[in-house]
Amino acid sequence: MLSQPFFKYSFFTLLAVDLMYTAGLIISGLSTISLDTLLATTIWFVSFYWLPVWAAAYVIFKLRYRSIENALIEWIITVMMMSIGILITEKFLKISFGDSFSLGNFLVLGGVVWGTPIYFISRYIESRGKITQEKQARKQAQLQALRYQLNPHFMFNSLNTISAYIHSNPDLADEVLHELADILRYSLDTGEKNSVSLQQEIAIIDKYLNIEKARFGDRLIVNFDIPAELLNTQVPPLILQPIVENSVKHNAQQNELVITIKVEKIAKNKDEILRISISDNGSGFSEAVLTKGYGKGIGMKNLQLRMQQLPRGKVSLSNGTNDKDSADNTGATVLVEMAL
């Protein structure tokens, strides 16, 4: 029960309120800096702020655990606990300071005056926290749903490759089958993870490319330009595969398809950004795809949706290699950026 976040945060909040109230009395000249002031402040904090609020919260959480949740009942409990706290505070003050004034009729009124804002402010903060948690849960559920949508085109082509070679080249068919199994296992294993190392992503891309090379042979060439110090960088799982697959799928008739995967760290608006560029020498994107950001398939669309939920996440499409040092300005480039 005490593991509820409310107990941790309320302790420090109430302590701050108590200290600020005491500081106000000292500044206004109604009190002085002394051991008596320190003792009185401690008594007020323990018996008026801390214990009554925690006692009320404990009872309320107990009732909620039993599916009893009623704002009026919870408010009454809070007011009662605050009134009891005032009574206990009065007793301690009289023991510690014989000439302490009596709180008298302020017992009930004080319980209402203090209990009401404490309860409803806590209720408001709790509701805002629930809204945030629900948004986060929906966001997480959406991300997981996007991850589990495997591209049927990729599965279909991989199984066709296996079928084509299962009699003429069973060793190759067996190799492709194992690569496909590893990719599917990776997809399932990372289903609950928010991030994996870039090195893991590259390893899966290698397996995917081994499957495609079984179909395309020497016509498919892939170049990697990845600094070793970035291999341990954390990235969302399966963000590269749909981009590479899209490049292969739309350029299958190329006599020679060259794909270049480049990773770099850049500074952008005082932030460190991981930039991943995947370029090819194919036919490029149509104007409709460039405008929309994705085509009719689900791979690139899912990638766009996933990246939108990351800090500084961005996916941009362009035609050309996007490499200033290259004389070849044909093909397409997908640029993925995210905060480090």
C-alpha atoms as a PDB file:
ATOM      1  CA  MET A   1       0.000   0.000   0.000  1.00  0.00           C
ATOM      2  CA  LEU A   2       2.778   2.436   0.952  1.00  0.00           C
ATOM      3  CA  SER A   3       4.392   1.766  -2.425  1.00  0.00           C
ATOM      4  CA  GLN A   4       1.851   4.149  -3.954  1.00  0.00           C
ATOM      5  CA  PRO A   5       3.688   7.164  -5.479  1.00  0.00           C
ATOM      6  CA  PHE A   6       1.358   9.465  -3.534  1.00  0.00           C
ATOM      7  CA  PHE A   7       3.066   8.704  -0.213  1.00  0.00           C
ATOM      8  CA  LYS A   8       6.532   9.566  -1.478  1.00  0.00           C
ATOM      9  CA  TYR A   9       5.568  12.775  -3.248  1.00  0.00           C
ATOM     10  CA  SER A  10       3.125  14.003  -0.577  1.00  0.00           C
ATOM     11  CA  PHE A  11       5.770  13.727   2.154  1.00  0.00           C
ATOM     12  CA  PHE A  12       8.099  16.216   0.485  1.00  0.00           C
ATOM     13  CA  THR A  13       5.240  18.448  -0.668  1.00  0.00           C
ATOM     14  CA  LEU A  14       3.796  18.726   2.848  1.00  0.00           C
ATOM     15  CA  LEU A  15       7.252  19.302   4.307  1.00  0.00           C
ATOM     16  CA  ALA A  16       7.782  22.157   1.862  1.00  0.00           C
ATOM     17  CA  VAL A  17       4.392  23.691   2.778  1.00  0.00           C
ATOM     18  CA  ASP A  18       5.190  23.465   6.508  1.00  0.00           C
ATOM     19  CA  LEU A  19       8.628  25.079   6.076  1.00  0.00           C
ATOM     20  CA  MET A  20       7.221  27.823   3.863  1.00  0.00           C
ATOM     21  CA  TYR A  21       4.512  28.588   6.457  1.00  0.00           C
ATOM     22  CA  THR A  22       7.123  28.825   9.205  1.00  0.00           C
ATOM     23  CA  ALA A  23       9.334  31.027   7.032  1.00  0.00           C
ATOM     24  CA  GLY A  24       6.344  33.307   6.438  1.00  0.00           C
ATOM     25  CA  LEU A  25       5.770  33.671  10.185  1.00  0.00           C
ATOM     26  CA  ILE A  26       9.429  34.515  10.754  1.00  0.00           C
ATOM     27  CA  ILE A  27       9.513  37.050   7.910  1.00  0.00           C
ATOM     28  CA  SER A  28       6.320  38.724   9.145  1.00  0.00           C
ATOM     29  CA  GLY A  29       7.754  38.986  12.675  1.00  0.00           C
ATOM     30  CA  LEU A  30       5.173  36.643  14.264  1.00  0.00           C
ATOM     31  CA  SER A  31       7.894  34.140  15.145  1.00  0.00           C
ATOM     32  CA  THR A  32      11.648  34.006  15.603  1.00  0.00           C
ATOM     33  CA  ILE A  33      14.419  31.666  14.554  1.00  0.00           C
ATOM     34  CA  SER A  34      14.851  29.464  17.653  1.00  0.00           C
ATOM     35  CA  LEU A  35      14.735  25.907  18.930  1.00  0.00           C
ATOM     36  CA  ASP A  36      11.144  26.493  20.057  1.00  0.00           C
ATOM     37  CA  THR A  37      10.197  27.478  16.510  1.00  0.00           C
ATOM     38  CA  LEU A  38      11.943  24.365  15.177  1.00  0.00           C
ATOM     39  CA  LEU A  39      10.069  22.178  17.690  1.00  0.00           C
ATOM     40  CA  ALA A  40       6.717  23.776  16.876  1.00  0.00           C
ATOM     41  CA  THR A  41       7.374  23.381  13.141  1.00  0.00           C
ATOM     42  CA  THR A  42       8.187  19.699  13.644  1.00  0.00           C
ATOM     43  CA  ILE A  43       5.019  19.114  15.697  1.00  0.00           C
ATOM     44  CA  TRP A  44       2.844  20.819  13.091  1.00  0.00           C
ATOM     45  CA  PHE A  45       4.442  18.848  10.280  1.00  0.00           C
ATOM     46  CA  VAL A  46       4.197  15.406  11.918  1.00  0.00           C
ATOM     47  CA  SER A  47       0.803  15.612  13.632  1.00  0.00           C
ATOM     48  CA  PHE A  48      -1.045  18.068  11.392  1.00  0.00           C
ATOM     49  CA  TYR A  49       0.365  17.668   7.871  1.00  0.00           C
ATOM     50  CA  TRP A  50       2.125  14.362   7.442  1.00  0.00           C
ATOM     51  CA  LEU A  51       0.335  11.691   9.533  1.00  0.00           C
ATOM     52  CA  PRO A  52      -3.288  12.870   8.954  1.00  0.00           C
ATOM     53  CA  VAL A  53      -2.780  13.088   5.185  1.00  0.00           C
ATOM     54  CA  TRP A  54      -1.083   9.689   5.055  1.00  0.00           C
ATOM     55  CA  ALA A  55      -3.759   8.148   7.297  1.00  0.00           C
ATOM     56  CA  ALA A  56      -6.522   9.515   5.058  1.00  0.00           C
ATOM     57  CA  ALA A  57      -4.726   8.290   1.941  1.00  0.00           C
ATOM     58  CA  TYR A  58      -4.183   4.847   3.470  1.00  0.00           C
ATOM     59  CA  VAL A  59      -7.896   4.444   4.289  1.00  0.00           C
ATOM     60  CA  ILE A  60      -8.945   5.755   0.863  1.00  0.00           C
ATOM     61  CA  PHE A  61      -6.599   3.385  -0.985  1.00  0.00           C
ATOM     62  CA  LYS A  62      -7.851   0.500   1.165  1.00  0.00           C
ATOM     63  CA  LEU A  63     -11.434   1.305   0.172  1.00  0.00           C
ATOM     64  CA  ARG A  64     -10.471   1.602  -3.488  1.00  0.00           C
ATOM     65  CA  TYR A  65      -8.744  -1.766  -3.275  1.00  0.00           C
ATOM     66  CA  ARG A  66     -12.142  -3.129  -2.275  1.00  0.00           C
ATOM     67  CA  SER A  67     -13.760  -1.335  -5.232  1.00  0.00           C
ATOM     68  CA  ILE A  68     -15.270   1.384  -3.039  1.00  0.00           C
ATOM     69  CA  GLU A  69     -14.559   4.743  -4.643  1.00  0.00           C
ATOM     70  CA  ASN A  70     -16.765   7.700  -3.798  1.00  0.00           C
ATOM     71  CA  ALA A  71     -15.580  11.318  -3.807  1.00  0.00           C
ATOM     72  CA  LEU A  72     -17.912  12.379  -0.966  1.00  0.00           C
ATOM     73  CA  ILE A  73     -16.806   9.539   1.310  1.00  0.00           C
ATOM     74  CA  GLU A  74     -13.143  10.199   0.519  1.00  0.00           C
ATOM     75  CA  TRP A  75     -13.577  13.929   1.219  1.00  0.00           C
ATOM     76  CA  ILE A  76     -15.250  13.196   4.588  1.00  0.00           C
ATOM     77  CA  ILE A  77     -12.406  10.819   5.506  1.00  0.00           C
ATOM     78  CA  THR A  78      -9.848  13.502   4.653  1.00  0.00           C
ATOM     79  CA  VAL A  79     -11.677  16.182   6.682  1.00  0.00           C
ATOM     80  CA  MET A  80     -12.011  13.823   9.671  1.00  0.00           C
ATOM     81  CA  MET A  81      -8.319  12.914   9.598  1.00  0.00           C
ATOM     82  CA  MET A  82      -7.308  16.567   9.369  1.00  0.00           C
ATOM     83  CA  SER A  83      -9.593  17.418  12.325  1.00  0.00           C
ATOM     84  CA  ILE A  84      -8.039  14.611  14.369  1.00  0.00           C
ATOM     85  CA  GLY A  85      -4.634  15.924  13.328  1.00  0.00           C
ATOM     86  CA  ILE A  86      -5.528  19.389  14.632  1.00  0.00           C
ATOM     87  CA  LEU A  87      -6.641  17.871  17.952  1.00  0.00           C
ATOM     88  CA  ILE A  88      -3.403  15.868  18.309  1.00  0.00           C
ATOM     89  CA  THR A  89      -1.355  18.925  17.335  1.00  0.00           C
ATOM     90  CA  GLU A  90      -3.076  20.967  20.039  1.00  0.00           C
ATOM     91  CA  LYS A  91      -2.243  18.314  22.664  1.00  0.00           C
ATOM     92  CA  PHE A  92       1.437  18.162  21.646  1.00  0.00           C
ATOM     93  CA  LEU A  93       1.727  21.956  21.623  1.00  0.00           C
ATOM     94  CA  LYS A  94       0.274  22.162  25.136  1.00  0.00           C
ATOM     95  CA  ILE A  95       2.716  19.524  26.369  1.00  0.00           C
ATOM     96  CA  SER A  96       5.667  21.287  24.740  1.00  0.00           C
ATOM     97  CA  PHE A  97       4.546  24.878  25.409  1.00  0.00           C
ATOM     98  CA  GLY A  98       2.380  25.267  28.482  1.00  0.00           C
ATOM     99  CA  ASP A  99       0.980  28.597  27.378  1.00  0.00           C
ATOM    100  CA  SER A 100      -0.074  27.363  23.960  1.00  0.00           C
ATOM    101  CA  PHE A 101      -3.451  28.676  22.855  1.00  0.00           C
ATOM    102  CA  SER A 102      -6.440  26.359  22.423  1.00  0.00           C
ATOM    103  CA  LEU A 103      -7.597  25.605  18.913  1.00  0.00           C
ATOM    104  CA  GLY A 104     -11.150  25.084  20.227  1.00  0.00           C
ATOM    105  CA  ASN A 105     -13.876  25.273  17.573  1.00  0.00           C
ATOM    106  CA  PHE A 106     -11.243  25.375  14.853  1.00  0.00           C
ATOM    107  CA  LEU A 107     -11.060  21.572  15.010  1.00  0.00           C
ATOM    108  CA  VAL A 108     -13.897  20.909  12.540  1.00  0.00           C
ATOM    109  CA  LEU A 109     -13.508  24.148  10.590  1.00  0.00           C
ATOM    110  CA  GLY A 110      -9.773  23.552  10.247  1.00  0.00           C
ATOM    111  CA  GLY A 111     -10.422  20.028   9.028  1.00  0.00           C
ATOM    112  CA  VAL A 112     -12.697  21.410   6.308  1.00  0.00           C
ATOM    113  CA  VAL A 113     -10.442  24.360   5.436  1.00  0.00           C
ATOM    114  CA  TRP A 114      -7.321  22.197   5.105  1.00  0.00           C
ATOM    115  CA  GLY A 115      -8.834  18.861   4.145  1.00  0.00           C
ATOM    116  CA  THR A 116     -10.879  20.166   1.219  1.00  0.00           C
ATOM    117  CA  PRO A 117      -8.041  21.677  -0.858  1.00  0.00           C
ATOM    118  CA  ILE A 118      -5.669  18.851   0.061  1.00  0.00           C
ATOM    119  CA  TYR A 119      -8.159  16.230  -1.119  1.00  0.00           C
ATOM    120  CA  PHE A 120      -9.278  17.919  -4.331  1.00  0.00           C
ATOM    121  CA  ILE A 121      -5.786  19.060  -5.346  1.00  0.00           C
ATOM    122  CA  SER A 122      -4.563  15.485  -4.794  1.00  0.00           C
ATOM    123  CA  ARG A 123      -7.523  14.205  -6.779  1.00  0.00           C
ATOM    124  CA  TYR A 124      -6.727  16.587  -9.635  1.00  0.00           C
ATOM    125  CA  ILE A 125      -3.040  15.612  -9.712  1.00  0.00           C
ATOM    126  CA  GLU A 126      -4.053  11.939  -9.610  1.00  0.00           C
ATOM    127  CA  SER A 127      -6.440  12.389 -12.558  1.00  0.00           C
ATOM    128  CA  ARG A 128      -3.758  14.162 -14.578  1.00  0.00           C
ATOM    129  CA  GLY A 129      -1.356  11.347 -13.793  1.00  0.00           C
ATOM    130  CA  LYS A 130      -3.895   8.775 -14.970  1.00  0.00           C
ATOM    131  CA  ILE A 131      -4.400  10.682 -18.227  1.00  0.00           C
ATOM    132  CA  THR A 132      -0.645  10.710 -18.798  1.00  0.00           C
ATOM    133  CA  GLN A 133      -0.400   6.999 -18.026  1.00  0.00           C
ATOM    134  CA  GLU A 134      -3.289   6.206 -20.372  1.00  0.00           C
ATOM    135  CA  LYS A 135      -1.673   8.223 -23.164  1.00  0.00           C
ATOM    136  CA  GLN A 136       1.605   6.396 -22.577  1.00  0.00           C
ATOM    137  CA  ALA A 137      -0.190   3.037 -22.556  1.00  0.00           C
ATOM    138  CA  ARG A 138      -1.977   3.846 -25.827  1.00  0.00           C
ATOM    139  CA  LYS A 139       1.294   4.982 -27.345  1.00  0.00           C
ATOM    140  CA  GLN A 140       3.016   1.763 -26.259  1.00  0.00           C
ATOM    141  CA  ALA A 141       0.139  -0.365 -27.552  1.00  0.00           C
ATOM    142  CA  GLN A 142       0.296   1.412 -30.913  1.00  0.00           C
ATOM    143  CA  LEU A 143       4.032   0.864 -31.168  1.00  0.00           C
ATOM    144  CA  GLN A 144       3.667  -2.833 -30.388  1.00  0.00           C
ATOM    145  CA  ALA A 145       0.861  -3.190 -32.936  1.00  0.00           C
ATOM    146  CA  LEU A 146       3.041  -1.563 -35.577  1.00  0.00           C
ATOM    147  CA  ARG A 147       5.955  -3.868 -34.779  1.00  0.00           C
ATOM    148  CA  TYR A 148       3.851  -7.007 -35.112  1.00  0.00           C
ATOM    149  CA  GLN A 149       2.616  -6.127 -38.621  1.00  0.00           C
ATOM    150  CA  LEU A 150       5.044  -8.177 -40.689  1.00  0.00           C
ATOM    151  CA  ASN A 151       5.130  -7.326 -44.365  1.00  0.00           C
ATOM    152  CA  PRO A 152       3.290 -10.072 -46.303  1.00  0.00           C
ATOM    153  CA  HIS A 153       5.297  -9.202 -49.424  1.00  0.00           C
ATOM    154  CA  PHE A 154       8.563 -10.040 -47.664  1.00  0.00           C
ATOM    155  CA  MET A 155       7.175 -13.286 -46.239  1.00  0.00           C
ATOM    156  CA  PHE A 156       5.729 -14.283 -49.606  1.00  0.00           C
ATOM    157  CA  ASN A 157       8.989 -13.661 -51.478  1.00  0.00           C
ATOM    158  CA  SER A 158      11.080 -15.452 -48.847  1.00  0.00           C
ATOM    159  CA  LEU A 159       8.861 -18.527 -48.929  1.00  0.00           C
ATOM    160  CA  ASN A 160       8.893 -18.452 -52.754  1.00  0.00           C
ATOM    161  CA  THR A 161      12.693 -18.397 -52.691  1.00  0.00           C
ATOM    162  CA  ILE A 162      12.755 -21.393 -50.378  1.00  0.00           C
ATOM    163  CA  SER A 163      10.246 -23.208 -52.594  1.00  0.00           C
ATOM    164  CA  ALA A 164      12.268 -22.444 -55.758  1.00  0.00           C
ATOM    165  CA  TYR A 165      15.510 -23.845 -54.361  1.00  0.00           C
ATOM    166  CA  ILE A 166      14.214 -26.644 -52.152  1.00  0.00           C
ATOM    167  CA  HIS A 167      14.815 -29.249 -54.898  1.00  0.00           C
ATOM    168  CA  SER A 168      17.536 -27.690 -57.069  1.00  0.00           C
ATOM    169  CA  ASN A 169      19.638 -26.270 -54.228  1.00  0.00           C
ATOM    170  CA  PRO A 170      18.433 -27.643 -50.891  1.00  0.00           C
ATOM    171  CA  ASP A 171      21.438 -26.259 -48.993  1.00  0.00           C
ATOM    172  CA  LEU A 172      20.592 -22.726 -50.121  1.00  0.00           C
ATOM    173  CA  ALA A 173      16.906 -23.260 -49.323  1.00  0.00           C
ATOM    174  CA  ASP A 174      17.879 -24.480 -45.856  1.00  0.00           C
ATOM    175  CA  GLU A 175      20.099 -21.414 -45.344  1.00  0.00           C
ATOM    176  CA  VAL A 176      17.310 -19.034 -46.390  1.00  0.00           C
ATOM    177  CA  LEU A 177      14.863 -20.821 -44.093  1.00  0.00           C
ATOM    178  CA  HIS A 178      17.201 -20.390 -41.122  1.00  0.00           C
ATOM    179  CA  GLU A 179      17.716 -16.699 -41.909  1.00  0.00           C
ATOM    180  CA  LEU A 180      13.959 -16.189 -42.109  1.00  0.00           C
ATOM    181  CA  ALA A 181      13.480 -18.010 -38.790  1.00  0.00           C
ATOM    182  CA  ASP A 182      16.105 -15.764 -37.166  1.00  0.00           C
ATOM    183  CA  ILE A 183      14.328 -12.635 -38.411  1.00  0.00           C
ATOM    184  CA  LEU A 184      10.965 -13.836 -37.123  1.00  0.00           C
ATOM    185  CA  ARG A 185      12.525 -14.790 -33.776  1.00  0.00           C
ATOM    186  CA  TYR A 186      14.136 -11.356 -33.534  1.00  0.00           C
ATOM    187  CA  SER A 187      10.784  -9.710 -34.254  1.00  0.00           C
ATOM    188  CA  LEU A 188       9.149 -11.661 -31.434  1.00  0.00           C
ATOM    189  CA  ASP A 189      12.040 -11.250 -28.977  1.00  0.00           C
ATOM    190  CA  THR A 190      12.082  -7.476 -29.403  1.00  0.00           C
ATOM    191  CA  GLY A 191       8.304  -7.101 -29.292  1.00  0.00           C
ATOM    192  CA  GLU A 192       8.406  -5.824 -25.692  1.00  0.00           C
ATOM    193  CA  LYS A 193      11.582  -3.764 -26.076  1.00  0.00           C
ATOM    194  CA  ASN A 194      11.679  -0.054 -26.783  1.00  0.00           C
ATOM    195  CA  SER A 195      15.202  -0.161 -28.144  1.00  0.00           C
ATOM    196  CA  VAL A 196      18.042  -2.424 -29.232  1.00  0.00           C
ATOM    197  CA  SER A 197      21.636  -1.735 -30.216  1.00  0.00           C
ATOM    198  CA  LEU A 198      22.347  -0.585 -33.749  1.00  0.00           C
ATOM    199  CA  GLN A 199      24.659  -3.585 -34.050  1.00  0.00           C
ATOM    200  CA  GLN A 200      21.683  -5.921 -33.513  1.00  0.00           C
ATOM    201  CA  GLU A 201      19.727  -4.095 -36.200  1.00  0.00           C
ATOM    202  CA  ILE A 202      22.603  -4.397 -38.654  1.00  0.00           C
ATOM    203  CA  ALA A 203      22.895  -8.129 -37.899  1.00  0.00           C
ATOM    204  CA  ILE A 204      19.219  -8.586 -38.794  1.00  0.00           C
ATOM    205  CA  ILE A 205      19.663  -6.535 -41.958  1.00  0.00           C
ATOM    206  CA  ASP A 206      22.502  -8.897 -42.932  1.00  0.00           C
ATOM    207  CA  LYS A 207      20.174 -11.869 -42.511  1.00  0.00           C
ATOM    208  CA  TYR A 208      17.465 -10.177 -44.548  1.00  0.00           C
ATOM    209  CA  LEU A 209      19.967  -9.357 -47.301  1.00  0.00           C
ATOM    210  CA  ASN A 210      21.186 -12.964 -47.348  1.00  0.00           C
ATOM    211  CA  ILE A 211      17.625 -13.976 -48.184  1.00  0.00           C
ATOM    212  CA  GLU A 212      17.384 -11.378 -50.948  1.00  0.00           C
ATOM    213  CA  LYS A 213      20.821 -12.310 -52.342  1.00  0.00           C
ATOM    214  CA  ALA A 214      19.545 -15.844 -52.755  1.00  0.00           C
ATOM    215  CA  ARG A 215      17.057 -14.339 -55.223  1.00  0.00           C
ATOM    216  CA  PHE A 216      19.179 -11.622 -56.836  1.00  0.00           C
ATOM    217  CA  GLY A 217      22.679 -13.072 -56.586  1.00  0.00           C
ATOM    218  CA  ASP A 218      25.473 -10.669 -57.550  1.00  0.00           C
ATOM    219  CA  ARG A 219      22.963  -8.096 -58.803  1.00  0.00           C
ATOM    220  CA  LEU A 220      22.482  -6.913 -55.196  1.00  0.00           C
ATOM    221  CA  ILE A 221      25.337  -4.962 -53.603  1.00  0.00           C
ATOM    222  CA  VAL A 222      25.136  -3.415 -50.141  1.00  0.00           C
ATOM    223  CA  ASN A 223      27.641  -0.978 -48.663  1.00  0.00           C
ATOM    224  CA  PHE A 224      27.809  -0.068 -44.973  1.00  0.00           C
ATOM    225  CA  ASP A 225      29.294   3.190 -43.699  1.00  0.00           C
ATOM    226  CA  ILE A 226      28.904   2.926 -39.925  1.00  0.00           C
ATOM    227  CA  PRO A 227      31.459   4.215 -37.383  1.00  0.00           C
ATOM    228  CA  ALA A 228      32.338   1.530 -34.827  1.00  0.00           C
ATOM    229  CA  GLU A 229      31.619   3.891 -31.924  1.00  0.00           C
ATOM    230  CA  LEU A 230      27.953   4.131 -32.984  1.00  0.00           C
ATOM    231  CA  LEU A 231      27.264   0.384 -33.052  1.00  0.00           C
ATOM    232  CA  ASN A 232      26.150   0.380 -29.392  1.00  0.00           C
ATOM    233  CA  THR A 233      23.726   3.265 -29.959  1.00  0.00           C
ATOM    234  CA  GLN A 234      20.163   2.356 -28.997  1.00  0.00           C
ATOM    235  CA  VAL A 235      17.540   2.471 -31.770  1.00  0.00           C
ATOM    236  CA  PRO A 236      13.952   1.178 -32.063  1.00  0.00           C
ATOM    237  CA  PRO A 237      13.864  -2.449 -33.230  1.00  0.00           C
ATOM    238  CA  LEU A 238      13.181  -3.213 -36.888  1.00  0.00           C
ATOM    239  CA  ILE A 239      13.418   0.339 -38.239  1.00  0.00           C
ATOM    240  CA  LEU A 240      15.949  -0.430 -40.992  1.00  0.00           C
ATOM    241  CA  GLN A 241      14.465  -3.613 -42.455  1.00  0.00           C
ATOM    242  CA  PRO A 242      11.323  -2.015 -43.989  1.00  0.00           C
ATOM    243  CA  ILE A 243      13.465   0.683 -45.652  1.00  0.00           C
ATOM    244  CA  VAL A 244      15.884  -1.825 -47.186  1.00  0.00           C
ATOM    245  CA  GLU A 245      12.999  -4.068 -48.176  1.00  0.00           C
ATOM    246  CA  ASN A 246      11.245  -1.141 -49.849  1.00  0.00           C
ATOM    247  CA  SER A 247      14.383  -0.408 -51.853  1.00  0.00           C
ATOM    248  CA  VAL A 248      14.750  -4.020 -52.984  1.00  0.00           C
ATOM    249  CA  LYS A 249      11.055  -4.462 -53.758  1.00  0.00           C
ATOM    250  CA  HIS A 250      10.765  -1.390 -56.002  1.00  0.00           C
ATOM    251  CA  ASN A 251      14.033  -1.976 -57.843  1.00  0.00           C
ATOM    252  CA  ALA A 252      13.885  -5.720 -58.416  1.00  0.00           C
ATOM    253  CA  GLN A 253      14.397  -5.297 -62.174  1.00  0.00           C
ATOM    254  CA  GLN A 254      17.678  -3.390 -61.823  1.00  0.00           C
ATOM    255  CA  ASN A 255      20.652  -5.007 -63.557  1.00  0.00           C
ATOM    256  CA  GLU A 256      22.631  -4.022 -60.504  1.00  0.00           C
ATOM    257  CA  LEU A 257      21.084  -2.605 -57.339  1.00  0.00           C
ATOM    258  CA  VAL A 258      23.478  -0.824 -54.999  1.00  0.00           C
ATOM    259  CA  ILE A 259      22.213   0.049 -51.511  1.00  0.00           C
ATOM    260  CA  THR A 260      24.265   2.202 -49.157  1.00  0.00           C
ATOM    261  CA  ILE A 261      23.547   2.389 -45.438  1.00  0.00           C
ATOM    262  CA  LYS A 262      25.266   5.289 -43.720  1.00  0.00           C
ATOM    263  CA  VAL A 263      25.050   6.180 -40.008  1.00  0.00           C
ATOM    264  CA  GLU A 264      26.390   9.349 -38.421  1.00  0.00           C
ATOM    265  CA  LYS A 265      26.012  11.520 -35.346  1.00  0.00           C
ATOM    266  CA  ILE A 266      25.268  15.185 -35.984  1.00  0.00           C
ATOM    267  CA  ALA A 267      24.535  18.305 -33.927  1.00  0.00           C
ATOM    268  CA  LYS A 268      21.175  19.910 -34.622  1.00  0.00           C
ATOM    269  CA  ASN A 269      19.691  22.787 -32.616  1.00  0.00           C
ATOM    270  CA  LYS A 270      22.060  22.013 -29.729  1.00  0.00           C
ATOM    271  CA  ASP A 271      20.892  18.355 -29.686  1.00  0.00           C
ATOM    272  CA  GLU A 272      22.821  15.240 -30.652  1.00  0.00           C
ATOM    273  CA  ILE A 273      21.006  13.478 -33.466  1.00  0.00           C
ATOM    274  CA  LEU A 274      21.530   9.995 -34.883  1.00  0.00           C
ATOM    275  CA  ARG A 275      21.087  10.139 -38.640  1.00  0.00           C
ATOM    276  CA  ILE A 276      20.648   6.980 -40.701  1.00  0.00           C
ATOM    277  CA  SER A 277      20.697   7.317 -44.474  1.00  0.00           C
ATOM    278  CA  ILE A 278      19.682   4.457 -46.789  1.00  0.00           C
ATOM    279  CA  SER A 279      20.265   5.228 -50.461  1.00  0.00           C
ATOM    280  CA  ASP A 280      19.967   3.211 -53.655  1.00  0.00           C
ATOM    281  CA  ASN A 281      20.635   3.674 -57.350  1.00  0.00           C
ATOM    282  CA  GLY A 282      17.162   2.647 -58.381  1.00  0.00           C
ATOM    283  CA  SER A 283      14.257   4.441 -60.045  1.00  0.00           C
ATOM    284  CA  GLY A 284      13.542   6.809 -57.160  1.00  0.00           C
ATOM    285  CA  PHE A 285      10.238   7.747 -55.509  1.00  0.00           C
ATOM    286  CA  SER A 286       7.188   8.967 -57.342  1.00  0.00           C
ATOM    287  CA  GLU A 287       5.912  12.467 -56.618  1.00  0.00           C
ATOM    288  CA  ALA A 288       2.928  10.996 -54.759  1.00  0.00           C
ATOM    289  CA  VAL A 289       5.178   8.994 -52.436  1.00  0.00           C
ATOM    290  CA  LEU A 290       7.477  11.979 -51.839  1.00  0.00           C
ATOM    291  CA  THR A 291       4.470  14.124 -50.911  1.00  0.00           C
ATOM    292  CA  LYS A 292       2.801  11.564 -48.654  1.00  0.00           C
ATOM    293  CA  GLY A 293       5.940  10.045 -47.137  1.00  0.00           C
ATOM    294  CA  TYR A 294       5.014   6.442 -47.948  1.00  0.00           C
ATOM    295  CA  GLY A 295       3.403   4.320 -50.626  1.00  0.00           C
ATOM    296  CA  LYS A 296       0.673   1.689 -50.597  1.00  0.00           C
ATOM    297  CA  GLY A 297       2.598  -0.799 -48.434  1.00  0.00           C
ATOM    298  CA  ILE A 298       2.530  -0.905 -44.635  1.00  0.00           C
ATOM    299  CA  GLY A 299       6.291  -0.995 -43.967  1.00  0.00           C
ATOM    300  CA  MET A 300       7.153   2.657 -44.651  1.00  0.00           C
ATOM    301  CA  LYS A 301       3.825   3.892 -43.258  1.00  0.00           C
ATOM    302  CA  ASN A 302       4.460   2.062 -39.980  1.00  0.00           C
ATOM    303  CA  LEU A 303       7.971   3.488 -39.884  1.00  0.00           C
ATOM    304  CA  GLN A 304       6.609   7.026 -40.210  1.00  0.00           C
ATOM    305  CA  LEU A 305       4.127   6.439 -37.368  1.00  0.00           C
ATOM    306  CA  ARG A 306       6.766   4.911 -35.099  1.00  0.00           C
ATOM    307  CA  MET A 307       9.287   7.677 -35.659  1.00  0.00           C
ATOM    308  CA  GLN A 308       6.692  10.373 -34.924  1.00  0.00           C
ATOM    309  CA  GLN A 309       6.530   9.089 -31.340  1.00  0.00           C
ATOM    310  CA  LEU A 310      10.261   9.368 -30.702  1.00  0.00           C
ATOM    311  CA  PRO A 311      12.086  12.483 -29.428  1.00  0.00           C
ATOM    312  CA  ARG A 312      13.184  14.413 -32.534  1.00  0.00           C
ATOM    313  CA  GLY A 313      12.064  11.424 -34.606  1.00  0.00           C
ATOM    314  CA  LYS A 314      11.807  12.150 -38.319  1.00  0.00           C
ATOM    315  CA  VAL A 315      11.695  10.301 -41.639  1.00  0.00           C
ATOM    316  CA  SER A 316      12.264  12.153 -44.906  1.00  0.00           C
ATOM    317  CA  LEU A 317      12.295  10.875 -48.480  1.00  0.00           C
ATOM    318  CA  SER A 318      14.171  12.300 -51.435  1.00  0.00           C
ATOM    319  CA  ASN A 319      15.368  11.317 -54.874  1.00  0.00           C
ATOM    320  CA  GLY A 320      19.092  11.158 -55.516  1.00  0.00           C
ATOM    321  CA  THR A 321      21.899   9.698 -53.450  1.00  0.00           C
ATOM    322  CA  ASN A 322      21.936  12.572 -50.948  1.00  0.00           C
ATOM    323  CA  ASP A 323      25.728  12.272 -51.053  1.00  0.00           C
ATOM    324  CA  LYS A 324      27.558  15.448 -52.094  1.00  0.00           C
ATOM    325  CA  ASP A 325      30.685  13.465 -52.966  1.00  0.00           C
ATOM    326  CA  SER A 326      28.856  11.155 -55.347  1.00  0.00           C
ATOM    327  CA  ALA A 327      28.604  11.882 -59.053  1.00  0.00           C
ATOM    328  CA  ASP A 328      25.543   9.634 -59.284  1.00  0.00           C
ATOM    329  CA  ASN A 329      22.389  11.585 -58.522  1.00  0.00           C
ATOM    330  CA  THR A 330      19.859   8.875 -59.342  1.00  0.00           C
ATOM    331  CA  GLY A 331      17.919   6.574 -57.054  1.00  0.00           C
ATOM    332  CA  ALA A 332      16.205   7.275 -53.739  1.00  0.00           C
ATOM    333  CA  THR A 333      17.249   8.146 -50.211  1.00  0.00           C
ATOM    334  CA  VAL A 334      15.419   7.600 -46.924  1.00  0.00           C
ATOM    335  CA  LEU A 335      16.731   9.702 -44.054  1.00  0.00           C
ATOM    336  CA  VAL A 336      15.892   8.656 -40.482  1.00  0.00           C
ATOM    337  CA  GLU A 337      16.728  10.942 -37.571  1.00  0.00           C
ATOM    338  CA  MET A 338      16.230  10.592 -33.828  1.00  0.00           C
ATOM    339  CA  ALA A 339      17.609  12.130 -30.650  1.00  0.00           C
ATOM    340  CA  LEU A 340      20.517  10.351 -28.998  1.00  0.00           C
END
